[in-house]
PDB file of N, CA and C in Angstrom:
ATOM      1  N   MET A   1      -1.244  17.268 -12.001  1.00  0.00           N
ATOM      2  CA  MET A   1      -0.918  16.486 -13.179  1.00  0.00           C
ATOM      3  C   MET A   1      -0.043  15.300 -12.756  1.00  0.00           C
ATOM      4  N   LEU A   2      -0.221  14.195 -13.435  1.00  0.00           N
ATOM      5  CA  LEU A   2       0.582  13.010 -13.166  1.00  0.00           C
ATOM      6  C   LEU A   2       2.028  13.243 -13.565  1.00  0.00           C
ATOM      7  N   ARG A   3       2.911  12.385 -13.052  1.00  0.00           N
ATOM      8  CA  ARG A   3       4.323  12.503 -13.433  1.00  0.00           C
ATOM      9  C   ARG A   3       4.889  11.123 -13.767  1.00  0.00           C
ATOM     10  N   LYS A   4       5.925  11.123 -14.553  1.00  0.00           N
ATOM     11  CA  LYS A   4       6.582   9.898 -14.992  1.00  0.00           C
ATOM     12  C   LYS A   4       6.968   9.049 -13.780  1.00  0.00           C
ATOM     13  N   GLY A   5       6.687   7.746 -13.888  1.00  0.00           N
ATOM     14  CA  GLY A   5       7.063   6.810 -12.841  1.00  0.00           C
ATOM     15  C   GLY A   5       5.979   6.517 -11.826  1.00  0.00           C
ATOM     16  N   GLN A   6       4.922   7.341 -11.772  1.00  0.00           N
ATOM     17  CA  GLN A   6       3.835   7.058 -10.842  1.00  0.00           C
ATOM     18  C   GLN A   6       3.130   5.774 -11.249  1.00  0.00           C
ATOM     19  N   ARG A   7       2.605   5.063 -10.251  1.00  0.00           N
ATOM     20  CA  ARG A   7       1.844   3.850 -10.529  1.00  0.00           C
ATOM     21  C   ARG A   7       0.351   4.179 -10.521  1.00  0.00           C
ATOM     22  N   LEU A   8      -0.355   3.574 -11.475  1.00  0.00           N
ATOM     23  CA  LEU A   8      -1.789   3.840 -11.642  1.00  0.00           C
ATOM     24  C   LEU A   8      -2.577   2.540 -11.725  1.00  0.00           C
ATOM     25  N   ARG A   9      -3.848   2.674 -11.422  1.00  0.00           N
ATOM     26  CA  ARG A   9      -4.792   1.575 -11.587  1.00  0.00           C
ATOM     27  C   ARG A   9      -6.049   2.156 -12.247  1.00  0.00           C
ATOM     28  N   PRO A  10      -6.684   1.412 -13.167  1.00  0.00           N
ATOM     29  CA  PRO A  10      -7.918   1.916 -13.785  1.00  0.00           C
ATOM     30  C   PRO A  10      -9.007   2.159 -12.737  1.00  0.00           C
ATOM     31  N   LEU A  11      -9.719   3.262 -12.864  1.00  0.00           N
ATOM     32  CA  LEU A  11     -10.839   3.556 -11.966  1.00  0.00           C
ATOM     33  C   LEU A  11     -12.040   2.667 -12.260  1.00  0.00           C
ATOM     34  N   HIS A  12     -12.242   2.346 -13.530  1.00  0.00           N
ATOM     35  CA  HIS A  12     -13.402   1.572 -13.967  1.00  0.00           C
ATOM     36  C   HIS A  12     -12.917   0.306 -14.673  1.00  0.00           C
ATOM     37  N   PRO A  13     -12.834  -0.814 -13.937  1.00  0.00           N
ATOM     38  CA  PRO A  13     -12.268  -2.045 -14.497  1.00  0.00           C
ATOM     39  C   PRO A  13     -12.902  -2.489 -15.811  1.00  0.00           C
ATOM     40  N   HIS A  14     -14.222  -2.404 -15.920  1.00  0.00           N
ATOM     41  CA  HIS A  14     -14.885  -2.861 -17.150  1.00  0.00           C
ATOM     42  C   HIS A  14     -14.516  -1.982 -18.343  1.00  0.00           C
ATOM     43  N   LEU A  15     -14.416  -0.695 -18.123  1.00  0.00           N
ATOM     44  CA  LEU A  15     -14.013   0.225 -19.188  1.00  0.00           C
ATOM     45  C   LEU A  15     -12.588  -0.086 -19.637  1.00  0.00           C
ATOM     46  N   ALA A  16     -11.696  -0.318 -18.686  1.00  0.00           N
ATOM     47  CA  ALA A  16     -10.293  -0.620 -19.022  1.00  0.00           C
ATOM     48  C   ALA A  16     -10.199  -1.893 -19.854  1.00  0.00           C
ATOM     49  N   GLU A  17     -10.974  -2.894 -19.492  1.00  0.00           N
ATOM     50  CA  GLU A  17     -10.961  -4.153 -20.244  1.00  0.00           C
ATOM     51  C   GLU A  17     -11.531  -3.955 -21.642  1.00  0.00           C
ATOM     52  N   ARG A  18     -12.627  -3.219 -21.735  1.00  0.00           N
ATOM     53  CA  ARG A  18     -13.287  -3.020 -23.024  1.00  0.00           C
ATOM     54  C   ARG A  18     -12.495  -2.091 -23.949  1.00  0.00           C
ATOM     55  N   GLU A  19     -12.042  -0.960 -23.426  1.00  0.00           N
ATOM     56  CA  GLU A  19     -11.393   0.049 -24.254  1.00  0.00           C
ATOM     57  C   GLU A  19      -9.939  -0.250 -24.580  1.00  0.00           C
ATOM     58  N   TRP A  20      -9.212  -0.812 -23.603  1.00  0.00           N
ATOM     59  CA  TRP A  20      -7.768  -0.958 -23.778  1.00  0.00           C
ATOM     60  C   TRP A  20      -7.279  -2.393 -23.660  1.00  0.00           C
ATOM     61  N   GLY A  21      -8.179  -3.330 -23.311  1.00  0.00           N
ATOM     62  CA  GLY A  21      -7.771  -4.720 -23.160  1.00  0.00           C
ATOM     63  C   GLY A  21      -6.877  -4.954 -21.961  1.00  0.00           C
ATOM     64  N   VAL A  22      -7.029  -4.120 -20.950  1.00  0.00           N
ATOM     65  CA  VAL A  22      -6.221  -4.209 -19.737  1.00  0.00           C
ATOM     66  C   VAL A  22      -7.093  -4.704 -18.603  1.00  0.00           C
ATOM     67  N   GLY A  23      -6.615  -5.685 -17.862  1.00  0.00           N
ATOM     68  CA  GLY A  23      -7.363  -6.172 -16.709  1.00  0.00           C
ATOM     69  C   GLY A  23      -7.605  -5.052 -15.710  1.00  0.00           C
ATOM     70  N   GLY A  24      -8.784  -5.007 -15.157  1.00  0.00           N
ATOM     71  CA  GLY A  24      -9.162  -3.919 -14.263  1.00  0.00           C
ATOM     72  C   GLY A  24      -8.328  -3.820 -13.002  1.00  0.00           C
ATOM     73  N   ASP A  25      -7.661  -4.907 -12.627  1.00  0.00           N
ATOM     74  CA  ASP A  25      -6.838  -4.874 -11.422  1.00  0.00           C
ATOM     75  C   ASP A  25      -5.349  -4.697 -11.731  1.00  0.00           C
ATOM     76  N   GLU A  26      -5.014  -4.521 -13.004  1.00  0.00           N
ATOM     77  CA  GLU A  26      -3.612  -4.347 -13.381  1.00  0.00           C
ATOM     78  C   GLU A  26      -3.094  -2.986 -12.941  1.00  0.00           C
ATOM     79  N   VAL A  27      -1.818  -2.953 -12.631  1.00  0.00           N
ATOM     80  CA  VAL A  27      -1.149  -1.722 -12.236  1.00  0.00           C
ATOM     81  C   VAL A  27      -0.215  -1.315 -13.365  1.00  0.00           C
ATOM     82  N   GLY A  28      -0.250  -0.038 -13.702  1.00  0.00           N
ATOM     83  CA  GLY A  28       0.615   0.482 -14.755  1.00  0.00           C
ATOM     84  C   GLY A  28       1.509   1.587 -14.235  1.00  0.00           C
ATOM     85  N   THR A  29       2.519   1.913 -15.013  1.00  0.00           N
ATOM     86  CA  THR A  29       3.459   2.980 -14.675  1.00  0.00           C
ATOM     87  C   THR A  29       3.376   4.074 -15.733  1.00  0.00           C
ATOM     88  N   VAL A  30       3.307   5.310 -15.292  1.00  0.00           N
ATOM     89  CA  VAL A  30       3.221   6.448 -16.206  1.00  0.00           C
ATOM     90  C   VAL A  30       4.524   6.573 -16.996  1.00  0.00           C
ATOM     91  N   LEU A  31       4.397   6.564 -18.308  1.00  0.00           N
ATOM     92  CA  LEU A  31       5.539   6.820 -19.185  1.00  0.00           C
ATOM     93  C   LEU A  31       5.642   8.308 -19.472  1.00  0.00           C
ATOM     94  N   CYS A  32       4.471   8.937 -19.679  1.00  0.00           N
ATOM     95  CA  CYS A  32       4.432  10.348 -20.044  1.00  0.00           C
ATOM     96  C   CYS A  32       3.026  10.871 -19.767  1.00  0.00           C
ATOM     97  N   CYS A  33       2.928  12.120 -19.341  1.00  0.00           N
ATOM     98  CA  CYS A  33       1.629  12.751 -19.141  1.00  0.00           C
ATOM     99  C   CYS A  33       1.682  14.116 -19.810  1.00  0.00           C
ATOM    100  N   TYR A  34       0.601  14.493 -20.464  1.00  0.00           N
ATOM    101  CA  TYR A  34       0.585  15.754 -21.200  1.00  0.00           C
ATOM    102  C   TYR A  34      -0.825  16.289 -21.291  1.00  0.00           C
ATOM    103  N   ARG A  35      -0.933  17.551 -21.608  1.00  0.00           N
ATOM    104  CA  ARG A  35      -2.215  18.239 -21.712  1.00  0.00           C
ATOM    105  C   ARG A  35      -2.462  18.569 -23.181  1.00  0.00           C
ATOM    106  N   VAL A  36      -3.666  18.277 -23.637  1.00  0.00           N
ATOM    107  CA  VAL A  36      -4.018  18.587 -25.023  1.00  0.00           C
ATOM    108  C   VAL A  36      -5.192  19.566 -25.038  1.00  0.00           C
ATOM    109  N   LEU A  37      -5.247  20.372 -26.073  1.00  0.00           N
ATOM    110  CA  LEU A  37      -6.340  21.309 -26.258  1.00  0.00           C
ATOM    111  C   LEU A  37      -7.522  20.556 -26.844  1.00  0.00           C
ATOM    112  N   VAL A  38      -8.676  20.696 -26.216  1.00  0.00           N
ATOM    113  CA  VAL A  38      -9.890  20.028 -26.676  1.00  0.00           C
ATOM    114  C   VAL A  38     -10.821  21.087 -27.235  1.00  0.00           C
ATOM    115  N   ASN A  39     -10.810  21.189 -28.564  1.00  0.00           N
ATOM    116  CA  ASN A  39     -11.608  22.224 -29.227  1.00  0.00           C
ATOM    117  C   ASN A  39     -11.397  23.566 -28.540  1.00  0.00           C
ATOM    118  N   ARG A  40     -12.451  24.288 -28.333  1.00  0.00           N
ATOM    119  CA  ARG A  40     -12.338  25.571 -27.627  1.00  0.00           C
ATOM    120  C   ARG A  40     -12.813  25.447 -26.190  1.00  0.00           C
ATOM    121  N   SER A  41     -13.208  24.249 -25.816  1.00  0.00           N
ATOM    122  CA  SER A  41     -13.802  24.061 -24.492  1.00  0.00           C
ATOM    123  C   SER A  41     -12.781  23.926 -23.370  1.00  0.00           C
ATOM    124  N   GLY A  42     -11.521  23.768 -23.694  1.00  0.00           N
ATOM    125  CA  GLY A  42     -10.533  23.673 -22.629  1.00  0.00           C
ATOM    126  C   GLY A  42      -9.454  22.655 -22.927  1.00  0.00           C
ATOM    127  N   GLU A  43      -8.895  22.123 -21.853  1.00  0.00           N
ATOM    128  CA  GLU A  43      -7.789  21.198 -21.971  1.00  0.00           C
ATOM    129  C   GLU A  43      -8.159  19.860 -21.338  1.00  0.00           C
ATOM    130  N   ALA A  44      -7.418  18.828 -21.722  1.00  0.00           N
ATOM    131  CA  ALA A  44      -7.616  17.512 -21.140  1.00  0.00           C
ATOM    132  C   ALA A  44      -6.252  16.870 -20.916  1.00  0.00           C
ATOM    133  N   ASP A  45      -6.059  16.293 -19.741  1.00  0.00           N
ATOM    134  CA  ASP A  45      -4.816  15.599 -19.448  1.00  0.00           C
ATOM    135  C   ASP A  45      -4.878  14.192 -20.034  1.00  0.00           C
ATOM    136  N   ARG A  46      -3.806  13.800 -20.678  1.00  0.00           N
ATOM    137  CA  ARG A  46      -3.678  12.470 -21.276  1.00  0.00           C
ATOM    138  C   ARG A  46      -2.449  11.796 -20.696  1.00  0.00           C
ATOM    139  N   VAL A  47      -2.444  10.476 -20.752  1.00  0.00           N
ATOM    140  CA  VAL A  47      -1.343   9.741 -20.160  1.00  0.00           C
ATOM    141  C   VAL A  47      -0.982   8.529 -21.020  1.00  0.00           C
ATOM    142  N   ASP A  48       0.306   8.245 -21.091  1.00  0.00           N
ATOM    143  CA  ASP A  48       0.812   7.032 -21.720  1.00  0.00           C
ATOM    144  C   ASP A  48       1.255   6.126 -20.572  1.00  0.00           C
ATOM    145  N   ILE A  49       0.811   4.875 -20.590  1.00  0.00           N
ATOM    146  CA  ILE A  49       1.037   3.959 -19.474  1.00  0.00           C
ATOM    147  C   ILE A  49       1.571   2.628 -19.979  1.00  0.00           C
ATOM    148  N   GLU A  50       2.488   2.035 -19.212  1.00  0.00           N
ATOM    149  CA  GLU A  50       2.926   0.666 -19.482  1.00  0.00           C
ATOM    150  C   GLU A  50       2.511  -0.196 -18.298  1.00  0.00           C
ATOM    151  N   PHE A  51       1.838  -1.308 -18.599  1.00  0.00           N
ATOM    152  CA  PHE A  51       1.375  -2.222 -17.566  1.00  0.00           C
ATOM    153  C   PHE A  51       2.361  -3.358 -17.381  1.00  0.00           C
ATOM    154  N   GLY A  52       2.252  -4.050 -16.247  1.00  0.00           N
ATOM    155  CA  GLY A  52       3.153  -5.152 -15.919  1.00  0.00           C
ATOM    156  C   GLY A  52       3.168  -6.237 -16.981  1.00  0.00           C
ATOM    157  N   SER A  53       2.072  -6.380 -17.702  1.00  0.00           N
ATOM    158  CA  SER A  53       1.973  -7.387 -18.766  1.00  0.00           C
ATOM    159  C   SER A  53       2.772  -6.984 -20.002  1.00  0.00           C
ATOM    160  N   GLY A  54       3.264  -5.732 -20.004  1.00  0.00           N
ATOM    161  CA  GLY A  54       3.999  -5.217 -21.154  1.00  0.00           C
ATOM    162  C   GLY A  54       3.135  -4.405 -22.096  1.00  0.00           C
ATOM    163  N   GLN A  55       1.824  -4.458 -21.908  1.00  0.00           N
ATOM    164  CA  GLN A  55       0.919  -3.692 -22.765  1.00  0.00           C
ATOM    165  C   GLN A  55       1.061  -2.208 -22.481  1.00  0.00           C
ATOM    166  N   LYS A  56       1.016  -1.427 -23.538  1.00  0.00           N
ATOM    167  CA  LYS A  56       1.103   0.028 -23.422  1.00  0.00           C
ATOM    168  C   LYS A  56      -0.190   0.664 -23.919  1.00  0.00           C
ATOM    169  N   ILE A  57      -0.586   1.713 -23.251  1.00  0.00           N
ATOM    170  CA  ILE A  57      -1.746   2.520 -23.657  1.00  0.00           C
ATOM    171  C   ILE A  57      -1.209   3.912 -23.960  1.00  0.00           C
ATOM    172  N   TRP A  58      -1.590   4.438 -25.099  1.00  0.00           N
ATOM    173  CA  TRP A  58      -1.130   5.766 -25.525  1.00  0.00           C
ATOM    174  C   TRP A  58      -2.299   6.737 -25.534  1.00  0.00           C
ATOM    175  N   GLY A  59      -2.161   7.862 -24.879  1.00  0.00           N
ATOM    176  CA  GLY A  59      -3.151   8.930 -24.943  1.00  0.00           C
ATOM    177  C   GLY A  59      -4.454   8.666 -24.225  1.00  0.00           C
ATOM    178  N   ALA A  60      -4.431   7.879 -23.176  1.00  0.00           N
ATOM    179  CA  ALA A  60      -5.653   7.612 -22.409  1.00  0.00           C
ATOM    180  C   ALA A  60      -5.992   8.821 -21.538  1.00  0.00           C
ATOM    181  N   PRO A  61      -7.279   9.046 -21.287  1.00  0.00           N
ATOM    182  CA  PRO A  61      -7.655  10.150 -20.399  1.00  0.00           C
ATOM    183  C   PRO A  61      -7.113   9.903 -18.986  1.00  0.00           C
ATOM    184  N   ALA A  62      -6.340  10.823 -18.471  1.00  0.00           N
ATOM    185  CA  ALA A  62      -5.748  10.660 -17.138  1.00  0.00           C
ATOM    186  C   ALA A  62      -6.811  10.500 -16.058  1.00  0.00           C
ATOM    187  N   ALA A  63      -7.979  11.090 -16.265  1.00  0.00           N
ATOM    188  CA  ALA A  63      -9.054  11.021 -15.274  1.00  0.00           C
ATOM    189  C   ALA A  63      -9.607   9.610 -15.113  1.00  0.00           C
ATOM    190  N   GLU A  64      -9.259   8.694 -15.988  1.00  0.00           N
ATOM    191  CA  GLU A  64      -9.755   7.315 -15.915  1.00  0.00           C
ATOM    192  C   GLU A  64      -8.884   6.424 -15.032  1.00  0.00           C
ATOM    193  N   PHE A  65      -7.863   7.008 -14.388  1.00  0.00           N
ATOM    194  CA  PHE A  65      -6.926   6.230 -13.584  1.00  0.00           C
ATOM    195  C   PHE A  65      -6.745   6.844 -12.212  1.00  0.00           C
ATOM    196  N   ALA A  66      -6.515   5.981 -11.220  1.00  0.00           N
ATOM    197  CA  ALA A  66      -6.244   6.410  -9.850  1.00  0.00           C
ATOM    198  C   ALA A  66      -4.769   6.178  -9.553  1.00  0.00           C
ATOM    199  N   VAL A  67      -4.166   7.135  -8.897  1.00  0.00           N
ATOM    200  CA  VAL A  67      -2.770   7.017  -8.499  1.00  0.00           C
ATOM    201  C   VAL A  67      -2.670   6.096  -7.291  1.00  0.00           C
ATOM    202  N   ILE A  68      -1.705   5.187  -7.323  1.00  0.00           N
ATOM    203  CA  ILE A  68      -1.394   4.356  -6.171  1.00  0.00           C
ATOM    204  C   ILE A  68      -0.313   5.115  -5.395  1.00  0.00           C
ATOM    205  N   PRO A  69      -0.592   5.501  -4.161  1.00  0.00           N
ATOM    206  CA  PRO A  69       0.373   6.297  -3.403  1.00  0.00           C
ATOM    207  C   PRO A  69       1.724   5.592  -3.273  1.00  0.00           C
ATOM    208  N   GLU A  70       2.793   6.371  -3.277  1.00  0.00           N
ATOM    209  CA  GLU A  70       4.135   5.807  -3.133  1.00  0.00           C
ATOM    210  C   GLU A  70       4.209   5.048  -1.814  1.00  0.00           C
ATOM    211  N   GLY A  71       4.819   3.886  -1.857  1.00  0.00           N
ATOM    212  CA  GLY A  71       4.970   3.062  -0.674  1.00  0.00           C
ATOM    213  C   GLY A  71       3.783   2.151  -0.400  1.00  0.00           C
ATOM    214  N   ALA A  72       2.667   2.366  -1.094  1.00  0.00           N
ATOM    215  CA  ALA A  72       1.490   1.511  -0.911  1.00  0.00           C
ATOM    216  C   ALA A  72       1.623   0.261  -1.766  1.00  0.00           C
ATOM    217  N   THR A  73       1.050  -0.825  -1.302  1.00  0.00           N
ATOM    218  CA  THR A  73       1.045  -2.036  -2.105  1.00  0.00           C
ATOM    219  C   THR A  73      -0.002  -1.917  -3.185  1.00  0.00           C
ATOM    220  N   ALA A  74       0.222  -2.604  -4.296  1.00  0.00           N
ATOM    221  CA  ALA A  74      -0.672  -2.499  -5.445  1.00  0.00           C
ATOM    222  C   ALA A  74      -2.001  -3.185  -5.203  1.00  0.00           C
ATOM    223  N   HIS A  75      -2.071  -4.170  -4.327  1.00  0.00           N
ATOM    224  CA  HIS A  75      -3.330  -4.901  -4.128  1.00  0.00           C
ATOM    225  C   HIS A  75      -3.903  -4.625  -2.805  1.00  0.00           C
TER     226      HIS A  75
END
């Protein structure tokens, strides 16, 4: 599971632009990560993210983002 403060980048740039209005190459920081119950089929991890532009995404599927390893450059 993700943790607060991790840096993320969208896995699918076009989806990020279409769904959340975030540039596909933007880097965001995890504000909060949590697991929600999805019907009876199981659980899904969700994440709240703030991007460098100041835009925030609430409740996005965590699986749609890749973690940028600590110490790695964003680009």
